[in-house]
Amino acid sequence: MPANRPAPPPAASPHDPYAALRIANYRDYLAGSFLALLGRQAVGIAATWEIYQWTHSATALGLVGFVNVIPLLAFSLPAGALADRHDRRRIIALGAQVSAVICVLLAALSHWHAAVPLLAPLRWANALLRQAALVFERHADPATLRFDEPALPLMFLLLFALATVRILVWPARSSITPLLLPPGMLTNAITWNTSTFEIATMAGPALGGFLIAFTDFPPVYGLAAALELTFLLLLGRVRYFQPPQRTVGRRTWRDVFAGAEFIWRRKVILGASTLDLFAVLLGGAIALLPVYADQILHVGPIGLGWLRAAPSIGAFAMAMHLAHRSPLVRPGWALLWAVVGFGAAIVVFGFSRWFWLSFLALLLTGAFDNISVVVRQSLVQLLTPDALRGRVTAVNQIFIGSSNEIGALRAGLMAALIGPVAAVVWGGLGTIAVAAIVARTVPPLRRLAALHTLRPEGE
């Protein structure tokens, strides 16, 4: 047995909800990944808050999303090929190091932003940002928009760099899990992955807001750098349980697009990804929560905070339920009905005029969405050969990442045209219709066997 391959652990019960967590390799990786994600979520809330304080511009906040979308569309496919050709641990380790350095630079820029000289390139960049804001903010008083902070373009540049590193590393991070576990535990591990993700997305912004309130912005960035280095230390203890299968041969464009070609051939994965894409694209109501909190439910910022947290609470509760129950016997039907339930909950939220009914509806959207995420991620990891996992994960990343941004745009434009209630309700009904169409057109998804029986092609 190779020296770097740990001895197989004792056989675990197929219904053991903590089976994956008993594997030290996976446990160390999960803990480090959780801490790094916690720091990134805190950075996200701190950076947007600080930029808004500098500019008082909603367009500037939109540009934060824009600098995250550019790397997603530009680098996802090359990042997938990178993950399949090189050691995924080294890619992740390098990403953690570079991210820590960028977070340190963010802390320094935030602390000494008043000392940044007003150089000509920074002045020109601020003038360009102001012109972009004036195009969109027709109802804002131009005198209230401030784009005179020399550090602002540098902040956007560092956020772009951080987003680029995240995109380049994500396929390696998402496709390394099967290599850290013995066969049969992957679905359980994916359930724990989604659980820790939901905890981080709930706790990270809260942690960032707490630090900002009681200290300042630089400690948030400094903490994120420390958490990235902690992830790096934990990653150093991780060993592959099974050796990776790397792609070899001459690099071609077809090699880069091999993940998309594989998903097109495997209709089960294509159907599951299509369901998730349109569920977020049509059913996403998160972008309109401020409108609902202010104009429809009249609950103010505190109520808005609870509404924003409701999907994550529901997703975490469902993830715990899935971890403690036996594996899904008919995961295809579970996925289809979960998307239908998600759409129905969105419709209820759209019509609701009572805060607690709206909160419950959003909580259910998170619970149903978690079922979809677990089944879809399990299909991607279980049916994809290891040599292709990075590229398939990259294509899946484009599906999900772009649907979030375009879904927010869809909701905003429809709300402007037909009102927020109609925009939400028609989006939910559209989600249900997509589930019915996919169920009809992708029969293999309905006949999908239990997840723990699935294997990649050729195995």
Protein backbone atom coordinates (compact mmCIF):
# COMPACT_ATOMS: atom_id res chain seq x y z
CA MET A 1 0.00 0.00 0.00
CA PRO A 2 1.42 3.46 -0.88
CA ALA A 3 2.88 5.35 2.06
CA ASN A 4 0.59 8.34 1.61
CA ARG A 5 -2.57 6.25 1.48
CA PRO A 6 -4.24 5.72 4.87
CA ALA A 7 -5.39 2.29 5.96
CA PRO A 8 -9.06 1.58 5.26
CA PRO A 9 -11.27 2.40 8.25
CA PRO A 10 -13.63 -0.13 9.77
CA ALA A 11 -16.76 -0.66 7.72
CA ALA A 12 -19.49 1.80 8.67
CA SER A 13 -23.20 1.17 8.78
CA PRO A 14 -24.89 2.25 5.54
CA HIS A 15 -27.27 4.38 7.62
CA ASP A 16 -24.58 5.92 9.84
CA PRO A 17 -25.29 9.70 9.60
CA TYR A 18 -21.71 10.49 10.70
CA ALA A 19 -19.96 7.97 8.44
CA ALA A 20 -18.01 10.56 6.44
CA LEU A 21 -17.09 12.56 9.55
CA ARG A 22 -15.36 9.48 10.99
CA ILE A 23 -12.76 9.71 8.21
CA ALA A 24 -9.95 12.01 9.41
CA ASN A 25 -9.03 13.03 5.86
CA TYR A 26 -12.48 14.31 5.08
CA ARG A 27 -13.03 15.77 8.57
CA ASP A 28 -9.87 17.91 8.37
CA TYR A 29 -10.71 19.08 4.87
CA LEU A 30 -14.32 19.92 5.79
CA ALA A 31 -13.26 21.89 8.86
CA GLY A 32 -10.68 23.91 6.93
CA SER A 33 -13.04 24.54 4.03
CA PHE A 34 -15.74 25.71 6.44
CA LEU A 35 -13.39 28.19 8.13
CA ALA A 36 -12.19 29.59 4.80
CA LEU A 37 -15.78 30.01 3.56
CA LEU A 38 -16.73 31.69 6.85
CA GLY A 39 -13.98 34.26 6.25
CA ARG A 40 -15.02 34.83 2.64
CA GLN A 41 -18.62 35.46 3.66
CA ALA A 42 -17.44 37.97 6.26
CA VAL A 43 -15.27 39.71 3.64
CA GLY A 44 -18.27 39.91 1.30
CA ILE A 45 -20.45 41.77 3.80
CA ALA A 46 -17.55 44.01 4.94
CA ALA A 47 -16.47 45.00 1.43
CA THR A 48 -19.98 45.88 0.24
CA TRP A 49 -20.68 47.83 3.42
CA GLU A 50 -17.42 49.77 3.20
CA ILE A 51 -17.91 50.55 -0.51
CA TYR A 52 -21.42 51.83 0.22
CA GLN A 53 -20.10 54.04 3.01
CA TRP A 54 -17.58 55.52 0.59
CA THR A 55 -19.99 56.05 -2.32
CA HIS A 56 -23.63 56.04 -1.07
CA SER A 57 -24.39 54.40 -4.42
CA ALA A 58 -26.49 51.29 -5.08
CA THR A 59 -24.77 50.98 -8.46
CA ALA A 60 -21.45 50.58 -6.69
CA LEU A 61 -22.94 47.60 -4.84
CA GLY A 62 -24.08 46.16 -8.16
CA LEU A 63 -20.53 46.49 -9.46
CA VAL A 64 -19.37 44.25 -6.61
CA GLY A 65 -21.54 41.52 -8.13
CA PHE A 66 -20.20 42.40 -11.58
CA VAL A 67 -16.57 41.84 -10.58
CA ASN A 68 -17.62 38.40 -9.27
CA VAL A 69 -19.43 37.44 -12.48
CA ILE A 70 -16.56 38.24 -14.87
CA PRO A 71 -14.18 35.58 -13.46
CA LEU A 72 -17.06 33.09 -13.28
CA LEU A 73 -17.73 33.36 -17.01
CA ALA A 74 -14.12 33.82 -18.11
CA PHE A 75 -12.20 31.29 -16.01
CA SER A 76 -14.56 28.48 -14.94
CA LEU A 77 -13.86 26.15 -17.87
CA PRO A 78 -10.06 26.59 -17.81
CA ALA A 79 -10.18 26.08 -14.03
CA GLY A 80 -11.96 22.76 -14.54
CA ALA A 81 -9.26 21.58 -16.94
CA LEU A 82 -6.62 22.74 -14.44
CA ALA A 83 -8.22 20.65 -11.67
CA ASP A 84 -8.17 17.53 -13.86
CA ARG A 85 -4.53 17.91 -14.94
CA HIS A 86 -2.82 18.86 -11.69
CA ASP A 87 -2.79 17.89 -8.02
CA ARG A 88 -5.99 19.30 -6.54
CA ARG A 89 -4.49 19.65 -3.07
CA ARG A 90 -1.72 21.87 -4.45
CA ILE A 91 -4.19 24.02 -6.38
CA ILE A 92 -6.31 24.47 -3.25
CA ALA A 93 -3.24 25.20 -1.11
CA LEU A 94 -1.96 27.80 -3.57
CA GLY A 95 -5.42 29.39 -3.69
CA ALA A 96 -5.52 29.63 0.12
CA GLN A 97 -2.12 31.31 0.18
CA VAL A 98 -2.99 33.86 -2.49
CA SER A 99 -6.39 34.55 -0.89
CA ALA A 100 -4.70 35.20 2.46
CA VAL A 101 -2.33 37.70 0.83
CA ILE A 102 -5.23 39.50 -0.88
CA CYS A 103 -7.14 39.70 2.42
CA VAL A 104 -4.07 41.24 4.07
CA LEU A 105 -3.92 43.80 1.25
CA LEU A 106 -7.63 44.54 1.78
CA ALA A 107 -6.97 45.11 5.49
CA ALA A 108 -4.07 47.45 4.71
CA LEU A 109 -6.09 49.36 2.09
CA SER A 110 -9.03 49.75 4.47
CA HIS A 111 -6.81 50.93 7.33
CA TRP A 112 -4.76 53.41 5.29
CA HIS A 113 -7.35 54.36 2.65
CA ALA A 114 -7.13 58.06 3.59
CA ALA A 115 -3.42 58.02 2.77
CA VAL A 116 -3.83 56.70 -0.78
CA PRO A 117 -2.64 59.45 -3.15
CA LEU A 118 -5.09 60.69 -5.78
CA LEU A 119 -3.10 59.49 -8.79
CA ALA A 120 -4.39 60.17 -12.28
CA PRO A 121 -5.40 56.52 -13.03
CA LEU A 122 -7.42 56.36 -9.80
CA ARG A 123 -9.09 59.69 -10.56
CA TRP A 124 -10.02 58.49 -14.06
CA ALA A 125 -11.34 55.19 -12.68
CA ASN A 126 -13.52 57.01 -10.15
CA ALA A 127 -14.87 59.30 -12.88
CA LEU A 128 -15.80 56.21 -14.94
CA LEU A 129 -17.54 54.63 -11.96
CA ARG A 130 -19.49 57.83 -11.34
CA GLN A 131 -20.65 57.96 -14.96
CA ALA A 132 -21.85 54.35 -14.69
CA ALA A 133 -23.77 55.22 -11.51
CA LEU A 134 -25.44 58.21 -13.15
CA VAL A 135 -26.68 55.99 -16.00
CA PHE A 136 -28.59 53.68 -13.65
CA GLU A 137 -29.47 55.88 -10.67
CA ARG A 138 -31.96 58.14 -12.41
CA HIS A 139 -33.87 58.82 -9.18
CA ALA A 140 -30.84 59.64 -7.05
CA ASP A 141 -29.55 63.12 -6.38
CA PRO A 142 -26.14 63.26 -8.14
CA ALA A 143 -24.85 65.36 -5.26
CA THR A 144 -25.31 62.42 -2.88
CA LEU A 145 -23.13 60.09 -4.97
CA ARG A 146 -19.49 60.19 -3.90
CA PHE A 147 -16.82 58.69 -6.09
CA ASP A 148 -13.90 60.69 -4.74
CA GLU A 149 -12.26 57.98 -2.61
CA PRO A 150 -8.88 57.11 -4.23
CA ALA A 151 -8.94 53.67 -2.60
CA LEU A 152 -12.23 52.71 -4.29
CA PRO A 153 -10.79 51.47 -7.64
CA LEU A 154 -8.10 49.57 -5.72
CA MET A 155 -10.81 47.92 -3.60
CA PHE A 156 -12.62 46.76 -6.75
CA LEU A 157 -9.33 45.49 -8.17
CA LEU A 158 -8.60 43.42 -5.05
CA LEU A 159 -12.15 42.03 -4.97
CA PHE A 160 -11.76 41.04 -8.63
CA ALA A 161 -8.50 39.28 -7.79
CA LEU A 162 -10.13 37.47 -4.86
CA ALA A 163 -13.04 36.36 -7.06
CA THR A 164 -10.62 35.13 -9.74
CA VAL A 165 -8.73 33.00 -7.23
CA ARG A 166 -11.99 31.58 -5.91
CA ILE A 167 -13.17 30.61 -9.39
CA LEU A 168 -9.81 29.08 -10.38
CA VAL A 169 -9.75 26.95 -7.22
CA TRP A 170 -13.44 26.02 -6.98
CA PRO A 171 -13.43 23.01 -9.38
CA ALA A 172 -10.51 21.50 -7.46
CA ARG A 173 -12.25 22.12 -4.13
CA SER A 174 -15.53 20.66 -5.34
CA SER A 175 -14.02 17.56 -6.98
CA ILE A 176 -11.53 16.53 -4.28
CA THR A 177 -14.12 15.07 -1.88
CA PRO A 178 -14.47 11.66 -3.63
CA LEU A 179 -10.69 11.17 -3.30
CA LEU A 180 -10.77 11.57 0.49
CA LEU A 181 -13.29 8.83 1.27
CA PRO A 182 -13.82 5.11 0.79
CA PRO A 183 -16.53 4.13 -1.72
CA GLY A 184 -20.12 4.41 -0.50
CA MET A 185 -19.70 7.49 1.71
CA LEU A 186 -19.83 10.22 -0.93
CA THR A 187 -23.54 11.03 -0.63
CA ASN A 188 -23.20 11.33 3.14
CA ALA A 189 -20.20 13.64 2.64
CA ILE A 190 -22.12 15.82 0.18
CA THR A 191 -24.89 16.20 2.77
CA TRP A 192 -22.35 17.42 5.31
CA ASN A 193 -20.80 19.70 2.68
CA THR A 194 -24.15 21.43 2.16
CA SER A 195 -24.74 21.63 5.92
CA THR A 196 -21.46 23.41 6.60
CA PHE A 197 -22.03 25.65 3.58
CA GLU A 198 -25.37 26.80 4.96
CA ILE A 199 -23.88 27.41 8.42
CA ALA A 200 -21.08 29.49 6.88
CA THR A 201 -23.47 31.54 4.77
CA MET A 202 -25.53 32.29 7.87
CA ALA A 203 -22.70 32.86 10.33
CA GLY A 204 -20.16 34.57 8.04
CA PRO A 205 -22.12 37.78 7.37
CA ALA A 206 -23.21 37.90 11.03
CA LEU A 207 -19.58 37.55 12.15
CA GLY A 208 -18.50 40.26 9.73
CA GLY A 209 -21.24 42.62 10.90
CA PHE A 210 -20.36 41.99 14.56
CA LEU A 211 -16.67 42.76 14.00
CA ILE A 212 -17.50 45.91 12.03
CA ALA A 213 -19.84 47.14 14.76
CA PHE A 214 -17.40 46.57 17.62
CA THR A 215 -14.04 47.08 15.88
CA ASP A 216 -13.69 48.21 12.26
CA PHE A 217 -13.35 46.87 8.72
CA PRO A 218 -9.64 45.87 8.77
CA PRO A 219 -10.09 43.18 11.48
CA VAL A 220 -12.65 41.44 9.25
CA TYR A 221 -10.15 41.18 6.40
CA GLY A 222 -7.41 40.16 8.82
CA LEU A 223 -9.57 37.41 10.29
CA ALA A 224 -10.33 36.12 6.79
CA ALA A 225 -6.59 35.91 6.07
CA ALA A 226 -6.03 33.98 9.32
CA LEU A 227 -8.83 31.56 8.48
CA GLU A 228 -7.35 30.93 5.01
CA LEU A 229 -4.01 30.08 6.64
CA THR A 230 -5.79 27.78 9.09
CA PHE A 231 -7.35 26.01 6.10
CA LEU A 232 -3.86 25.68 4.63
CA LEU A 233 -2.56 24.03 7.83
CA LEU A 234 -5.46 21.57 7.96
CA LEU A 235 -5.03 20.82 4.26
CA GLY A 236 -1.44 19.79 4.97
CA ARG A 237 -2.79 16.86 7.03
CA VAL A 238 -5.06 15.61 4.25
CA ARG A 239 -4.03 12.54 2.24
CA TYR A 240 -5.79 10.95 -0.71
CA PHE A 241 -7.70 7.80 0.18
CA GLN A 242 -7.64 6.81 -3.48
CA PRO A 243 -5.24 8.19 -6.11
CA PRO A 244 -6.59 10.80 -8.56
CA GLN A 245 -6.95 10.00 -12.26
CA ARG A 246 -5.40 12.93 -14.09
CA THR A 247 -5.99 13.94 -17.67
CA VAL A 248 -2.92 13.44 -19.87
CA GLY A 249 -2.07 14.30 -23.44
CA ARG A 250 -1.97 17.48 -25.50
CA ARG A 251 -4.17 20.33 -24.36
CA THR A 252 -6.91 21.27 -26.83
CA TRP A 253 -10.07 23.34 -26.75
CA ARG A 254 -12.07 20.13 -26.92
CA ASP A 255 -10.26 19.06 -23.76
CA VAL A 256 -11.42 22.26 -22.02
CA PHE A 257 -15.03 21.71 -23.15
CA ALA A 258 -15.03 18.00 -22.31
CA GLY A 259 -17.08 18.66 -19.16
CA ALA A 260 -19.88 20.27 -21.17
CA GLU A 261 -19.77 17.39 -23.67
CA PHE A 262 -20.03 14.84 -20.85
CA ILE A 263 -23.03 16.60 -19.27
CA TRP A 264 -24.76 16.74 -22.68
CA ARG A 265 -24.31 12.97 -23.09
CA ARG A 266 -25.44 12.12 -19.56
CA LYS A 267 -29.05 13.26 -19.72
CA VAL A 268 -29.60 12.55 -16.04
CA ILE A 269 -26.99 15.15 -15.03
CA LEU A 270 -28.22 17.54 -17.74
CA GLY A 271 -31.82 17.22 -16.51
CA ALA A 272 -30.84 17.75 -12.87
CA SER A 273 -28.70 20.79 -13.75
CA THR A 274 -31.48 22.22 -15.92
CA LEU A 275 -33.93 21.86 -13.06
CA ASP A 276 -31.62 23.69 -10.67
CA LEU A 277 -30.80 26.37 -13.25
CA PHE A 278 -34.43 27.29 -13.95
CA ALA A 279 -35.54 26.90 -10.35
CA VAL A 280 -33.10 29.66 -9.37
CA LEU A 281 -33.61 31.66 -12.57
CA LEU A 282 -37.42 31.73 -12.36
CA GLY A 283 -38.12 31.13 -8.69
CA GLY A 284 -35.49 33.32 -7.08
CA ALA A 285 -37.19 35.91 -4.87
CA ILE A 286 -34.22 36.95 -2.72
CA ALA A 287 -33.49 40.04 -4.82
CA LEU A 288 -36.98 41.38 -4.05
CA LEU A 289 -36.89 40.82 -0.28
CA PRO A 290 -36.19 44.50 0.50
CA VAL A 291 -39.31 45.44 -1.50
CA TYR A 292 -41.43 42.88 0.37
CA ALA A 293 -40.04 43.89 3.77
CA ASP A 294 -40.67 47.58 3.11
CA GLN A 295 -43.81 47.83 0.97
CA ILE A 296 -45.76 44.59 1.47
CA LEU A 297 -44.96 43.05 4.87
CA HIS A 298 -43.92 46.33 6.57
CA VAL A 299 -41.38 44.65 8.86
CA GLY A 300 -38.36 46.93 8.43
CA PRO A 301 -34.69 45.92 8.47
CA ILE A 302 -35.00 43.42 11.33
CA GLY A 303 -37.75 41.54 9.53
CA LEU A 304 -35.68 41.70 6.35
CA GLY A 305 -32.80 40.04 8.16
CA TRP A 306 -35.03 37.19 9.29
CA LEU A 307 -36.49 36.77 5.80
CA ARG A 308 -32.99 36.65 4.34
CA ALA A 309 -31.92 34.02 6.86
CA ALA A 310 -35.02 31.82 6.43
CA PRO A 311 -33.83 29.84 3.33
CA SER A 312 -30.51 29.02 4.98
CA ILE A 313 -32.27 27.88 8.17
CA GLY A 314 -34.54 25.62 6.14
CA ALA A 315 -31.63 24.26 4.11
CA PHE A 316 -29.61 23.46 7.22
CA ALA A 317 -32.57 21.70 8.86
CA MET A 318 -33.16 19.59 5.75
CA ALA A 319 -29.46 18.75 5.47
CA MET A 320 -29.51 17.43 9.04
CA HIS A 321 -32.62 15.39 8.25
CA LEU A 322 -31.03 13.87 5.14
CA ALA A 323 -27.86 13.03 7.05
CA HIS A 324 -29.79 11.11 9.70
CA ARG A 325 -32.17 9.21 7.42
CA SER A 326 -31.50 6.27 5.13
CA PRO A 327 -30.39 7.08 1.55
CA LEU A 328 -33.05 8.22 -0.90
CA VAL A 329 -34.45 5.18 -2.72
CA ARG A 330 -35.88 7.17 -5.65
CA PRO A 331 -33.68 10.28 -5.82
CA GLY A 332 -34.96 11.32 -9.26
CA TRP A 333 -38.53 11.65 -8.04
CA ALA A 334 -37.28 13.33 -4.85
CA LEU A 335 -35.48 15.92 -6.99
CA LEU A 336 -38.52 16.57 -9.20
CA TRP A 337 -40.93 16.92 -6.28
CA ALA A 338 -38.42 19.12 -4.43
CA VAL A 339 -38.39 21.56 -7.35
CA VAL A 340 -42.21 21.50 -7.47
CA GLY A 341 -42.28 22.18 -3.72
CA PHE A 342 -39.78 25.02 -4.16
CA GLY A 343 -41.99 26.62 -6.83
CA ALA A 344 -45.13 26.20 -4.73
CA ALA A 345 -43.46 27.79 -1.70
CA ILE A 346 -42.39 30.73 -3.88
CA VAL A 347 -46.01 31.18 -5.00
CA VAL A 348 -47.18 31.18 -1.37
CA PHE A 349 -44.52 33.75 -0.48
CA GLY A 350 -45.56 35.92 -3.42
CA PHE A 351 -49.19 36.09 -2.29
CA SER A 352 -48.53 36.27 1.48
CA ARG A 353 -49.29 39.42 3.46
CA TRP A 354 -48.36 37.92 6.85
CA PHE A 355 -44.76 37.93 8.01
CA TRP A 356 -44.73 34.47 9.61
CA LEU A 357 -46.36 32.83 6.57
CA SER A 358 -43.74 34.53 4.38
CA PHE A 359 -40.98 33.38 6.72
CA LEU A 360 -42.29 29.79 6.64
CA ALA A 361 -42.56 29.85 2.83
CA LEU A 362 -38.96 31.02 2.48
CA LEU A 363 -37.82 28.42 5.03
CA LEU A 364 -39.47 25.75 2.86
CA THR A 365 -37.71 27.07 -0.24
CA GLY A 366 -34.39 26.47 1.49
CA ALA A 367 -35.42 22.97 2.62
CA PHE A 368 -36.60 21.94 -0.86
CA ASP A 369 -33.57 23.52 -2.49
CA ASN A 370 -31.26 21.51 -0.22
CA ILE A 371 -32.78 18.25 -1.50
CA SER A 372 -32.12 19.46 -5.03
CA VAL A 373 -28.53 20.41 -4.21
CA VAL A 374 -27.73 17.09 -2.51
CA VAL A 375 -29.18 14.99 -5.36
CA ARG A 376 -27.60 17.11 -8.11
CA GLN A 377 -24.16 17.24 -6.51
CA SER A 378 -24.32 13.52 -5.80
CA LEU A 379 -25.11 12.80 -9.46
CA VAL A 380 -22.24 14.98 -10.65
CA GLN A 381 -19.74 13.36 -8.29
CA LEU A 382 -20.99 9.76 -8.55
CA LEU A 383 -21.52 9.51 -12.31
CA THR A 384 -18.45 11.46 -13.42
CA PRO A 385 -15.07 9.70 -13.85
CA ASP A 386 -12.45 11.31 -11.64
CA ALA A 387 -10.42 12.44 -14.66
CA LEU A 388 -13.40 14.62 -15.69
CA ARG A 389 -14.71 15.78 -12.31
CA GLY A 390 -12.97 19.15 -12.38
CA ARG A 391 -14.33 20.10 -15.82
CA VAL A 392 -17.83 18.82 -15.10
CA THR A 393 -17.84 20.72 -11.80
CA ALA A 394 -16.74 23.86 -13.66
CA VAL A 395 -19.67 23.63 -16.09
CA ASN A 396 -22.03 23.05 -13.18
CA GLN A 397 -20.53 26.10 -11.48
CA ILE A 398 -21.38 28.23 -14.52
CA PHE A 399 -24.95 26.88 -14.49
CA ILE A 400 -25.54 27.76 -10.87
CA GLY A 401 -23.46 30.94 -10.55
CA SER A 402 -24.91 32.62 -13.63
CA SER A 403 -28.48 31.61 -12.73
CA ASN A 404 -28.18 33.44 -9.40
CA GLU A 405 -27.12 36.69 -11.06
CA ILE A 406 -29.50 36.45 -14.03
CA GLY A 407 -32.31 35.36 -11.70
CA ALA A 408 -31.86 38.53 -9.65
CA LEU A 409 -31.95 40.56 -12.87
CA ARG A 410 -35.09 38.71 -14.02
CA ALA A 411 -36.84 39.39 -10.73
CA GLY A 412 -35.93 43.08 -10.75
CA LEU A 413 -36.98 43.71 -14.35
CA MET A 414 -40.26 41.79 -13.98
CA ALA A 415 -41.03 43.63 -10.74
CA ALA A 416 -40.48 46.93 -12.54
CA LEU A 417 -42.81 45.86 -15.37
CA ILE A 418 -45.65 43.98 -13.64
CA GLY A 419 -45.07 44.53 -9.91
CA PRO A 420 -43.22 42.48 -7.28
CA VAL A 421 -46.09 40.13 -6.39
CA ALA A 422 -46.74 39.12 -10.00
CA ALA A 423 -42.99 38.76 -10.63
CA VAL A 424 -42.62 36.34 -7.72
CA VAL A 425 -45.82 34.37 -8.37
CA TRP A 426 -45.22 33.90 -12.10
CA GLY A 427 -41.64 32.89 -11.35
CA GLY A 428 -42.83 30.19 -8.94
CA LEU A 429 -45.38 28.90 -11.44
CA GLY A 430 -42.68 28.83 -14.10
CA THR A 431 -40.50 26.71 -11.83
CA ILE A 432 -43.31 24.16 -11.43
CA ALA A 433 -43.80 24.10 -15.20
CA VAL A 434 -40.09 23.44 -15.79
CA ALA A 435 -40.20 20.50 -13.35
CA ALA A 436 -43.12 19.02 -15.28
CA ILE A 437 -41.32 19.48 -18.62
CA VAL A 438 -38.09 17.89 -17.38
CA ALA A 439 -40.00 14.98 -15.83
CA ARG A 440 -41.64 14.40 -19.20
CA THR A 441 -38.58 14.83 -21.42
CA VAL A 442 -35.88 13.13 -19.29
CA PRO A 443 -37.32 9.68 -18.40
CA PRO A 444 -33.95 8.40 -17.01
CA LEU A 445 -34.27 10.96 -14.23
CA ARG A 446 -37.57 9.42 -13.10
CA ARG A 447 -36.03 5.91 -13.20
CA LEU A 448 -32.85 6.92 -11.35
CA ALA A 449 -31.61 4.22 -8.96
CA ALA A 450 -30.62 4.82 -5.35
CA LEU A 451 -27.64 7.16 -5.11
CA HIS A 452 -25.38 4.71 -3.27
CA THR A 453 -25.66 2.28 -6.22
CA LEU A 454 -24.47 4.76 -8.88
CA ARG A 455 -21.00 4.47 -10.40
CA PRO A 456 -19.07 6.42 -13.08
CA GLU A 457 -18.95 5.22 -16.67
CA GLY A 458 -16.72 2.18 -17.12
CA GLU A 459 -16.84 1.07 -13.49
